[in-house]
Protein backbone atom coordinates (compact mmCIF):
# COMPACT_ATOMS: atom_id res chain seq x y z
CA MET A 1 45.87 123.82 215.80
CA LEU A 2 44.61 124.76 212.22
CA ALA A 3 42.84 122.47 210.07
CA THR A 4 45.08 121.25 206.97
CA ALA A 5 42.76 123.04 204.62
CA ASP A 6 43.18 126.39 206.55
CA ALA A 7 46.80 126.12 206.87
CA LEU A 8 47.41 125.43 203.21
CA ALA A 9 45.31 128.46 202.35
CA ILE A 10 47.35 130.69 204.66
CA LEU A 11 50.61 129.65 202.69
CA LEU A 12 49.14 129.73 199.39
CA ASP A 13 47.67 133.39 200.01
CA ALA A 14 51.11 134.40 201.14
CA ALA A 15 52.86 133.19 198.11
CA ARG A 16 52.93 135.18 194.90
CA PRO A 17 55.23 134.60 191.87
CA ILE A 18 59.05 135.67 192.42
CA ASP A 19 60.50 138.42 190.15
CA GLY A 20 63.03 137.61 187.81
CA ILE A 21 62.46 136.12 184.09
CA GLU A 22 65.25 134.68 181.75
CA THR A 23 64.92 133.27 178.25
CA LEU A 24 66.28 129.75 177.73
CA PRO A 25 66.63 127.33 174.65
CA THR A 26 63.64 125.22 174.57
CA LEU A 27 65.75 122.14 174.82
CA ASP A 28 66.90 123.42 178.35
CA ALA A 29 63.72 124.56 179.86
CA LEU A 30 62.55 121.26 181.37
CA ASN A 31 60.72 121.65 184.56
CA ARG A 32 60.79 125.53 184.56
CA VAL A 33 57.80 127.67 184.60
CA LEU A 34 56.62 129.86 181.71
CA ALA A 35 56.67 133.56 182.61
CA ALA A 36 54.61 134.35 179.26
CA ASP A 37 52.03 132.58 177.00
CA VAL A 38 53.32 130.58 174.28
CA THR A 39 51.21 131.71 171.06
CA SER A 40 51.39 129.70 168.10
CA PRO A 41 52.75 131.64 165.02
CA LEU A 42 51.31 129.10 162.56
CA ASP A 43 48.80 126.43 161.95
CA VAL A 44 49.68 122.78 162.94
CA PRO A 45 49.89 121.14 160.61
CA PRO A 46 50.83 123.92 158.34
CA MET A 47 49.39 122.16 155.27
CA ASN A 48 46.80 119.44 154.65
CA THR A 49 48.64 116.11 155.02
CA SER A 50 48.18 112.70 154.69
CA ALA A 51 47.53 110.38 157.69
CA MET A 52 48.32 107.19 155.97
CA ASP A 53 50.71 105.48 153.09
CA GLY A 54 48.37 105.27 150.19
CA TYR A 55 46.95 107.41 147.15
CA ALA A 56 45.58 110.88 146.99
CA VAL A 57 42.53 110.98 144.66
CA ARG A 58 39.76 113.27 143.39
CA LEU A 59 36.46 111.59 144.28
CA ALA A 60 34.99 112.97 141.02
CA ASP A 61 37.53 110.81 139.21
CA LEU A 62 36.23 107.50 140.86
CA ALA A 63 32.75 108.10 139.39
CA HIS A 64 33.79 107.00 136.05
CA GLY A 65 36.24 103.77 136.99
CA SER A 66 38.44 102.70 139.88
CA ARG A 67 41.62 102.36 137.88
CA LEU A 68 43.70 105.40 137.62
CA PRO A 69 47.42 106.14 136.32
CA VAL A 70 49.74 107.47 138.99
CA SER A 71 50.91 110.94 138.13
CA GLN A 72 53.39 111.62 140.95
CA ARG A 73 54.96 110.37 144.08
CA ILE A 74 54.93 112.42 147.34
CA PRO A 75 57.23 111.61 150.19
CA ALA A 76 56.99 113.65 153.51
CA GLY A 77 58.85 116.98 153.51
CA HIS A 78 58.49 117.44 149.46
CA ALA A 79 56.14 120.02 147.96
CA PRO A 80 53.72 118.19 145.68
CA ALA A 81 52.25 119.51 142.08
CA PRO A 82 48.54 120.01 141.66
CA LEU A 83 46.85 116.67 141.20
CA GLN A 84 46.05 116.15 137.48
CA SER A 85 42.47 115.21 136.61
CA GLY A 86 41.68 111.60 136.20
CA THR A 87 45.18 110.58 138.01
CA ALA A 88 46.21 109.58 141.58
CA ALA A 89 49.29 110.48 143.38
CA ARG A 90 51.28 107.89 145.57
CA ILE A 91 51.63 109.68 149.00
CA PHE A 92 53.16 108.72 152.47
CA THR A 93 52.24 109.46 155.94
CA GLY A 94 52.83 113.03 156.94
CA ALA A 95 53.43 114.15 153.11
CA THR A 96 51.46 117.27 151.82
CA VAL A 97 48.24 116.39 150.07
CA PRO A 98 48.53 117.79 146.47
CA PRO A 99 46.05 120.62 145.60
CA GLY A 100 42.97 119.22 144.21
CA ALA A 101 42.89 115.95 145.98
CA ASP A 102 40.10 115.63 148.42
CA ALA A 103 40.82 112.12 149.80
CA VAL A 104 43.54 109.40 150.69
CA VAL A 105 43.00 105.83 150.02
CA MET A 106 45.09 103.69 152.31
CA GLN A 107 47.25 101.37 150.19
CA GLU A 108 45.90 98.27 151.69
CA GLN A 109 42.55 99.27 150.01
CA THR A 110 44.25 99.54 146.59
CA GLU A 111 45.97 97.22 144.20
CA ALA A 112 49.02 98.95 142.33
CA ALA A 113 50.41 97.49 138.98
CA GLY A 114 53.02 99.30 137.18
CA ASP A 115 52.16 103.02 136.71
CA GLU A 116 48.60 102.50 137.61
CA VAL A 117 46.50 101.82 140.66
CA THR A 118 42.97 100.17 141.29
CA ILE A 119 41.04 101.77 144.13
CA VAL A 120 39.00 99.00 145.81
CA HIS A 121 37.33 101.45 148.43
CA ARG A 122 35.11 104.06 147.60
CA PRO A 123 36.43 107.03 149.93
CA GLN A 124 34.69 109.68 151.99
CA THR A 125 35.62 113.36 151.37
CA GLY A 126 38.62 114.10 153.63
CA GLU A 127 39.25 110.58 154.27
CA TRP A 128 42.77 109.91 155.91
CA ILE A 129 43.41 113.72 155.27
CA THR A 130 44.71 115.80 158.41
CA ALA A 131 43.53 119.22 157.64
CA GLN A 132 45.73 122.28 158.11
CA GLY A 133 45.36 123.70 161.38
CA ALA A 134 43.70 120.51 162.88
CA ASP A 135 45.74 120.36 165.86
CA ILE A 136 46.63 124.16 166.38
CA ARG A 137 45.37 127.27 165.04
CA GLN A 138 47.69 130.34 164.30
CA GLY A 139 47.34 132.75 167.20
CA ALA A 140 46.11 130.06 169.65
CA VAL A 141 47.73 130.22 173.12
CA ILE A 142 49.04 126.63 173.31
CA LEU A 143 50.81 126.90 176.66
CA PRO A 144 49.69 129.61 179.36
CA ALA A 145 52.12 131.48 181.59
CA GLY A 146 52.39 129.48 184.63
CA THR A 147 52.80 126.30 182.98
CA ARG A 148 55.28 124.08 184.35
CA LEU A 149 57.29 122.66 181.27
CA THR A 150 57.07 118.79 180.91
CA PRO A 151 58.68 116.99 178.24
CA GLN A 152 55.55 116.98 176.31
CA ALA A 153 55.14 120.70 176.78
CA LEU A 154 58.63 121.13 175.28
CA GLY A 155 57.74 119.10 172.41
CA LEU A 156 54.41 120.99 171.90
CA ALA A 157 56.41 124.65 172.00
CA ALA A 158 58.95 123.23 169.39
CA SER A 159 56.02 121.98 167.36
CA VAL A 160 55.23 125.59 166.52
CA GLY A 161 58.99 126.63 166.07
CA CYS A 162 59.75 128.12 169.38
CA ALA A 163 63.37 127.67 169.90
CA ARG A 164 63.63 129.95 173.13
CA LEU A 165 61.00 130.16 176.02
CA ALA A 166 60.71 132.92 178.63
CA VAL A 167 60.71 131.32 182.20
CA ARG A 168 60.86 132.44 185.81
CA ARG A 169 63.94 132.31 187.39
CA ARG A 170 64.61 129.44 189.78
CA VAL A 171 63.27 129.65 193.30
CA LYS A 172 66.28 130.05 195.86
CA VAL A 173 65.85 127.82 198.90
CA ALA A 174 68.19 127.77 201.82
CA VAL A 175 67.83 124.72 204.00
CA PHE A 176 69.31 123.35 207.23
CA PHE A 177 68.90 120.53 209.82
CA THR A 178 68.83 120.76 213.58
CA GLY A 179 69.88 118.10 215.98
CA ASP A 180 72.96 117.06 217.94
CA GLU A 181 72.06 113.44 217.40
CA LEU A 182 72.32 113.80 213.40
CA THR A 183 75.07 111.99 211.67
CA MET A 184 76.13 112.15 208.10
CA PRO A 185 76.26 108.71 206.28
CA GLY A 186 79.99 107.69 206.07
CA GLU A 187 80.59 109.02 209.47
CA PRO A 188 80.89 106.75 212.62
CA LEU A 189 77.49 106.37 214.33
CA LYS A 190 77.99 107.49 217.88
CA PRO A 191 75.80 106.26 220.91
CA GLY A 192 72.60 107.97 220.74
CA ALA A 193 73.20 109.37 217.17
CA ILE A 194 71.03 108.72 213.91
CA TYR A 195 71.96 109.22 210.36
CA ASN A 196 70.44 112.30 208.86
CA SER A 197 67.89 110.70 206.26
CA ASN A 198 66.04 114.06 205.97
CA ARG A 199 68.95 115.96 204.38
CA PHE A 200 68.74 113.37 201.41
CA THR A 201 64.97 113.33 201.06
CA LEU A 202 64.26 117.02 201.47
CA ARG A 203 67.16 118.17 199.14
CA GLY A 204 66.01 115.69 196.63
CA LEU A 205 62.46 116.94 196.86
CA LEU A 206 63.40 120.71 196.43
CA GLU A 207 65.81 119.82 193.46
CA LYS A 208 62.96 117.72 191.89
CA LEU A 209 61.06 120.88 192.14
CA GLY A 210 63.59 122.77 190.03
CA CYS A 211 64.74 124.96 193.18
CA GLU A 212 68.31 126.33 193.46
CA VAL A 213 69.32 124.93 196.92
CA THR A 214 71.80 126.31 199.28
CA ASP A 215 72.45 123.50 201.92
CA TYR A 216 73.77 124.98 205.41
CA GLY A 217 73.95 121.41 206.65
CA ILE A 218 73.52 120.35 210.21
CA VAL A 219 73.30 123.11 212.79
CA ALA A 220 74.08 122.71 216.39
CA ASP A 221 71.22 122.45 218.95
CA ARG A 222 72.03 126.06 220.26
CA LEU A 223 69.80 129.23 220.01
CA GLU A 224 72.53 131.51 218.61
CA ALA A 225 73.84 128.98 216.22
CA THR A 226 70.37 128.66 214.85
CA ARG A 227 69.70 132.33 214.86
CA ALA A 228 73.11 133.26 212.97
CA THR A 229 72.24 130.67 210.32
CA LEU A 230 68.59 132.23 209.83
CA ARG A 231 70.25 135.73 209.54
CA GLU A 232 72.69 134.24 206.75
CA ALA A 233 70.00 132.38 204.96
CA ALA A 234 67.64 135.39 204.79
CA ARG A 235 70.21 137.39 202.82
CA ALA A 236 69.36 136.21 199.25
CA HIS A 237 66.80 133.33 199.55
CA ASP A 238 63.17 133.25 198.71
CA LEU A 239 62.40 130.64 201.37
CA ILE A 240 64.27 129.15 204.33
CA LEU A 241 63.28 125.63 205.08
CA THR A 242 64.39 123.89 208.28
CA CYS A 243 63.76 120.43 209.57
CA GLY A 244 63.78 119.55 213.10
CA GLY A 245 63.53 121.81 216.28
CA VAL A 246 60.02 123.17 215.94
CA SER A 247 58.22 121.53 218.56
CA VAL A 248 58.21 122.64 222.31
CA GLY A 249 61.19 120.83 223.93
CA GLU A 250 64.11 122.62 225.69
CA GLU A 251 66.20 121.76 222.75
CA ASP A 252 63.82 122.84 220.18
CA HIS A 253 65.51 126.21 219.32
CA VAL A 254 63.81 127.10 215.78
CA LYS A 255 60.57 128.55 216.98
CA PRO A 256 62.31 130.81 219.50
CA ALA A 257 65.07 131.58 216.95
CA VAL A 258 62.54 132.45 214.16
CA GLU A 259 60.44 134.77 216.72
CA ALA A 260 63.96 136.59 217.61
CA GLU A 261 64.92 137.00 213.94
CA GLY A 262 61.46 137.48 212.62
CA ARG A 263 58.02 136.23 213.13
CA LEU A 264 55.90 133.33 213.10
CA SER A 265 52.39 133.42 211.54
CA MET A 266 51.52 129.73 211.79
CA TRP A 267 52.58 127.06 214.01
CA GLN A 268 50.92 123.52 214.73
CA ILE A 269 48.50 121.86 212.15
CA ALA A 270 45.89 119.15 213.10
CA MET A 271 47.30 116.49 210.92
CA LYS A 272 49.07 113.12 211.71
CA PRO A 273 51.62 112.60 211.00
CA GLY A 274 53.12 116.33 211.07
CA LYS A 275 51.70 118.38 213.62
CA PRO A 276 54.63 120.93 214.44
CA LEU A 277 54.76 122.82 211.15
CA ALA A 278 55.90 126.50 211.26
CA PHE A 279 55.37 129.24 208.85
CA GLY A 280 56.72 132.90 208.92
CA ALA A 281 59.42 135.22 207.81
CA VAL A 282 62.79 136.19 208.68
CA ARG A 283 64.16 139.65 208.75
CA ARG A 284 66.97 140.53 206.31
CA ALA A 285 69.86 142.42 207.38
CA ALA A 286 70.01 146.03 206.22
CA GLY A 287 71.41 146.23 202.68
CA ALA A 288 71.06 142.50 202.06
CA GLU A 289 70.13 141.48 198.54
CA GLY A 290 66.52 139.88 198.60
CA ALA A 291 65.41 137.24 196.45
CA ALA A 292 61.77 136.98 197.53
CA SER A 293 58.96 138.80 195.89
CA VAL A 294 56.14 138.64 198.50
CA GLY A 295 52.60 139.93 199.13
CA ALA A 296 49.34 138.39 198.21
CA GLU A 297 45.69 139.17 198.84
CA ALA A 298 43.98 137.57 201.83
CA SER A 299 41.93 134.46 201.56
CA SER A 300 38.20 134.38 200.69
CA SER A 301 38.07 132.07 203.72
CA ALA A 302 37.11 134.04 206.87
CA ALA A 303 39.08 131.58 208.88
CA SER A 304 42.21 132.22 207.47
CA ALA A 305 41.81 135.88 206.31
CA ALA A 306 43.52 137.48 209.36
CA SER A 307 46.21 134.90 209.59
CA ALA A 308 46.96 135.48 205.81
CA ALA A 309 47.39 139.08 206.19
CA SER A 310 49.90 138.62 208.84
CA ALA A 311 51.67 136.03 206.92
CA THR A 312 52.56 138.11 204.13
CA PRO A 313 56.18 139.31 204.52
CA THR A 314 57.57 142.65 203.47
CA ALA A 315 60.09 143.36 200.90
CA ALA A 316 62.67 143.20 203.92
CA GLU A 317 61.74 139.58 204.79
CA THR A 318 62.40 136.03 203.75
CA PHE A 319 59.70 133.29 203.82
CA PHE A 320 60.26 130.74 206.57
CA ILE A 321 58.80 127.12 206.73
CA GLY A 322 59.84 124.84 209.66
CA LEU A 323 59.39 120.99 209.20
CA PRO A 324 59.02 118.60 212.01
CA GLY A 325 62.12 116.27 212.65
CA ASN A 326 60.60 112.84 212.23
CA PRO A 327 61.28 111.48 208.49
CA VAL A 328 57.71 110.53 207.67
CA SER A 329 56.44 113.99 209.15
CA SER A 330 58.97 115.93 207.24
CA PHE A 331 58.24 114.01 204.17
CA ALA A 332 54.44 114.39 204.35
CA THR A 333 54.42 117.94 205.19
CA PHE A 334 56.68 118.84 202.52
CA LEU A 335 54.61 117.26 199.98
CA LEU A 336 51.18 118.72 201.28
CA PHE A 337 52.45 122.31 202.21
CA VAL A 338 56.05 123.03 200.81
CA ARG A 339 55.56 121.54 197.44
CA PRO A 340 52.51 123.94 196.64
CA PHE A 341 54.17 126.85 198.32
CA VAL A 342 57.16 126.45 196.31
CA LEU A 343 55.41 125.76 193.03
CA ARG A 344 53.15 129.06 193.73
CA LEU A 345 56.38 131.06 194.15
CA ALA A 346 57.42 129.67 190.88
CA GLY A 347 54.42 130.95 189.29
CA VAL A 348 52.54 127.71 189.01
CA GLN A 349 48.74 128.51 189.37
CA ALA A 350 47.38 124.63 189.70
CA VAL A 351 49.38 123.46 192.79
CA VAL A 352 46.73 121.41 194.34
CA PRO A 353 47.18 117.61 193.63
CA ARG A 354 44.45 115.43 192.16
CA ALA A 355 42.94 112.79 194.36
CA LEU A 356 41.38 109.43 193.46
CA SER A 357 38.40 107.64 194.98
CA LEU A 358 39.42 104.15 195.81
CA ARG A 359 38.15 101.15 197.82
CA ALA A 360 39.93 100.53 201.23
CA ASP A 361 40.64 96.85 201.65
CA PHE A 362 41.68 97.02 205.13
CA THR A 363 39.78 98.23 208.32
CA GLN A 364 41.16 100.93 210.83
CA ALA A 365 39.03 101.01 213.82
CA LYS A 366 40.61 103.67 215.76
CA ALA A 367 39.90 107.29 214.76
CA ASP A 368 42.11 110.18 215.28
CA ARG A 369 41.14 113.66 216.31
CA ARG A 370 43.55 114.85 213.66
CA ASN A 371 43.50 114.65 209.72
CA GLU A 372 45.35 111.61 209.23
CA PHE A 373 47.65 110.89 206.02
CA LEU A 374 48.03 107.22 205.74
CA ARG A 375 50.74 105.50 203.61
CA ALA A 376 49.05 103.02 201.38
CA ARG A 377 49.34 101.34 198.14
CA VAL A 378 47.11 100.03 195.26
CA ASN A 379 46.76 96.22 195.19
CA ALA A 380 46.12 94.11 192.09
CA ALA A 381 42.32 94.05 192.74
CA GLY A 382 42.39 97.92 192.34
CA GLY A 383 41.69 98.60 196.29
CA LEU A 384 44.10 100.03 198.78
CA ASP A 385 46.24 98.15 201.39
CA LEU A 386 47.90 100.05 204.46
CA PHE A 387 51.27 99.80 205.60
CA ALA A 388 51.17 98.06 208.90
CA ASN A 389 52.99 100.60 210.86
CA GLN A 390 51.94 104.25 210.54
CA SER A 391 54.69 105.36 212.90
CA SER A 392 56.12 108.88 211.65
CA ALA A 393 59.42 107.45 212.18
CA VAL A 394 59.00 104.73 209.82
CA LEU A 395 60.42 105.91 206.35
CA THR A 396 59.92 102.47 204.95
CA SER A 397 56.21 103.23 204.26
CA THR A 398 57.19 106.20 201.97
CA VAL A 399 58.94 103.74 199.65
CA TRP A 400 56.64 100.79 199.99
CA GLY A 401 53.56 102.99 199.37
CA ASP A 402 52.04 104.63 196.41
CA GLY A 403 50.39 107.35 198.06
CA LEU A 404 48.68 109.20 201.02
CA ILE A 405 45.02 108.32 202.26
CA ASP A 406 43.43 111.72 203.17
CA ASN A 407 41.41 110.52 206.15
CA PRO A 408 39.11 113.12 207.76
CA PRO A 409 39.44 113.90 211.74
CA ASN A 410 37.62 111.37 213.96
CA HIS A 411 36.89 108.94 211.12
CA ALA A 412 37.43 105.37 211.52
CA ILE A 413 37.89 103.43 208.01
CA SER A 414 35.86 100.28 207.35
CA ALA A 415 36.86 97.78 204.49
CA GLY A 416 35.12 98.37 201.35
CA GLU A 417 34.50 102.01 201.81
CA THR A 418 35.65 104.75 199.50
CA VAL A 419 38.58 106.84 200.70
CA ARG A 420 40.20 109.87 199.18
CA PHE A 421 43.72 108.83 197.82
CA ILE A 422 46.38 111.17 196.71
CA PRO A 423 48.99 109.23 194.61
CA PHE A 424 52.69 110.04 194.94
CA SER A 425 52.70 110.61 191.26
CA GLU A 426 50.74 113.75 191.93
CA LEU A 427 52.95 114.69 194.68
CA LEU A 428 56.29 114.20 193.39
CA ASN A 429 56.11 115.76 190.08
């Protein structure tokens, strides 16, 4: 079994940004990935502006007294006249500072009477003035290619006048689920059957990443049915994602189906939950339109270099990832492996989630030989509580928890020690 770090290195070494760029209105580009740098065509702010409601003044005029006539009124969005010597200008937040003024005095530090104002505070040069270009300089790269566009990133692009943005096309993912026991909600639950929760979880995760999803539904536990679905899914997708059937049971047909229709480069990871995770590629039929853009340099890690080279598909193949069927296993392996892989396909470079060092307010005396990912949540004291049942079938833990404790192999946890915690806020965005 591969270590989790080596497994992730193999996946990321094989992934490279997909081909295909489109230009969208900035308002419609949320969660898309920039295909080109966004460079500012102007300074922001484009002029000196007032940071407060108050009065614009010349410091030299205050040397001879603090009472000044008000020569003009400057709301935001209006062009001011140069400040007359010996006068003040009434100014409002965001308004352009008039030429000649070198400070703004907030209105709370003034006393207005008719057309005059008394300055009761001696300002410093530049006080309450936001200088031209204080935020952004003309020509600066404000959003590099590979940025996943958050609401604030869209606002930043709009602040420099970008009405449209060049983004990579959506990653095309085909997904299907295996298991004769699976039943869709709304249908009668027959003896021995379970509802297919994974379909809802994984589709939601893929759509949250901005993927274009083709859902082939539940595929019968038959080798030929699985092979046929793989062939169809390989035609025009970047990635095939399956759930279930990747273990070694007689009814687990995904692994032999992929080996018949393509190849597996990785199978089984030393993690809990989620050991049976498969990665490889499926051949496309001759003449089929491919979606994937593949190929990458081998990892610098000697442990994964050979595997990474064999993991890189050709242009006639589609990536394949097979997830385990237990709901927590599929959830955890998606977050830790599929999410960064899909983001890398989409052109994002920073795909590894940030972790926190937090105190464990529990004891787990039994160590596991695998890398454990424990569902936990932050308590009122700032420490971590552990969900009582860490079974891979207990989906409740994923809703109760705030994230995953990344616990190394063969490590028991004592109350009070510091552990590595990956919040769901890092894994679900």
